[in-house]
Protein backbone atom coordinates (compact mmCIF):
# COMPACT_ATOMS: atom_id res chain seq x y z
CA MET A 1 -23.08 12.81 5.85
CA PRO A 2 -26.29 11.51 4.35
CA HIS A 3 -26.80 12.11 0.65
CA VAL A 4 -29.57 14.66 1.29
CA LEU A 5 -27.29 16.93 3.35
CA LYS A 6 -24.62 17.08 0.64
CA SER A 7 -26.86 19.24 -1.51
CA LEU A 8 -27.47 21.80 1.25
CA ASP A 9 -25.77 25.16 1.46
CA PRO A 10 -22.42 24.99 3.36
CA ALA A 11 -23.59 27.79 5.65
CA ILE A 12 -26.53 25.63 6.75
CA LEU A 13 -24.28 22.59 7.17
CA ALA A 14 -21.93 24.58 9.42
CA LYS A 15 -24.78 25.21 11.85
CA LEU A 16 -25.71 21.52 12.11
CA PRO A 17 -23.88 19.40 14.67
CA PRO A 18 -21.18 17.30 12.94
CA THR A 19 -21.81 13.58 12.75
CA LEU A 20 -19.75 10.55 11.86
CA SER A 21 -21.84 7.57 10.76
CA GLY A 22 -24.90 9.07 12.43
CA ASN A 23 -23.19 9.54 15.82
CA PRO A 24 -22.45 13.01 17.17
CA ALA A 25 -18.78 13.91 16.79
CA HIS A 26 -16.64 15.26 19.63
CA ARG A 27 -13.97 17.93 19.23
CA ILE A 28 -10.32 16.95 18.92
CA VAL A 29 -7.96 16.92 21.89
CA ASP A 30 -4.59 18.71 22.10
CA ALA A 31 -2.74 15.52 21.13
CA CYS A 32 -4.56 15.48 17.77
CA VAL A 33 -3.07 18.79 16.59
CA GLY A 34 -1.00 18.17 13.46
CA CYS A 35 -2.92 15.11 12.23
CA ALA A 36 -4.16 14.92 8.64
CA HIS A 37 -7.56 13.58 9.76
CA ILE A 38 -8.60 16.91 11.32
CA GLN A 39 -11.55 18.62 9.69
CA ASP A 40 -12.48 22.24 10.39
CA ILE A 41 -16.23 22.84 10.60
CA GLY A 42 -16.99 26.44 11.37
CA ASP A 43 -14.64 27.48 14.15
CA GLN A 44 -14.46 23.96 15.64
CA ARG A 45 -12.09 21.11 14.72
CA TYR A 46 -13.22 17.48 14.48
CA CYS A 47 -11.61 14.15 13.61
CA LYS A 48 -12.74 12.55 10.34
CA ALA A 49 -11.61 9.09 11.46
CA PHE A 50 -13.06 8.77 14.98
CA VAL A 51 -16.21 9.98 16.71
CA ASP A 52 -14.46 10.46 20.09
CA PRO A 53 -10.76 11.30 19.67
CA ALA A 54 -10.18 11.54 23.44
CA ALA A 55 -11.01 7.84 23.78
CA LYS A 56 -8.37 6.93 21.20
CA TRP A 57 -5.67 8.78 23.17
CA GLN A 58 -6.74 7.43 26.57
CA PHE A 59 -4.49 4.34 26.57
CA GLY A 60 -1.69 5.52 24.29
CA PRO A 61 -1.16 7.16 20.91
CA CYS A 62 -3.93 7.13 18.34
CA ASN A 63 -3.44 4.27 15.89
CA LEU A 64 -4.46 6.43 12.90
CA GLY A 65 -2.58 9.56 13.96
CA THR A 66 -0.59 10.67 10.91
CA HIS A 67 1.64 12.89 13.03
CA VAL A 68 2.61 10.18 15.55
CA VAL A 69 6.15 8.84 15.23
CA ARG A 70 6.21 5.14 16.00
CA LYS A 71 9.32 3.39 17.22
CA ILE A 72 9.98 -0.02 15.77
CA ALA A 73 11.66 -2.20 18.36
CA THR A 74 14.66 -4.11 17.08
CA GLU A 75 15.59 -7.13 19.06
CA THR A 76 19.25 -8.06 19.42
CA ARG A 77 20.11 -11.66 20.06
CA LYS A 78 23.08 -12.91 22.04
CA VAL A 79 25.25 -15.33 20.14
CA ASN A 80 27.33 -18.01 21.79
CA PRO A 81 30.94 -17.23 20.75
CA GLN A 82 31.85 -20.92 20.41
CA LYS A 83 28.95 -21.61 18.07
CA ALA A 84 29.70 -18.44 16.10
CA SER A 85 33.31 -19.48 15.53
CA LYS A 86 32.23 -22.95 14.40
CA LYS A 87 29.79 -21.43 11.93
CA ALA A 88 32.45 -19.10 10.64
CA MET A 89 34.84 -22.03 10.11
CA LYS A 90 32.19 -23.94 8.15
CA GLY A 91 31.44 -20.89 6.00
CA GLY A 92 27.87 -20.46 7.19
CA GLY A 93 26.44 -17.74 9.30
CA LYS A 94 25.28 -14.23 9.01
């Protein structure tokens, strides 16, 4: 919000269309419910982080969604049993 609008009455600000960096903001989508970046303006809910939340969810989960649980992939490696036994005999290895 520009500095001038911060001094206005909140009732007047609620009637103005919400903006984010000068661009008009779009309402949140259903997938955004539960995120900490949601801001209630009047009876509408908007995202404080993105102008168009639907675009962030179009190709997968939102990268700033605080309610999204991310899975960290752990990669298991196959170990040759002969090499593992040689390492164990030498005292090295994990």
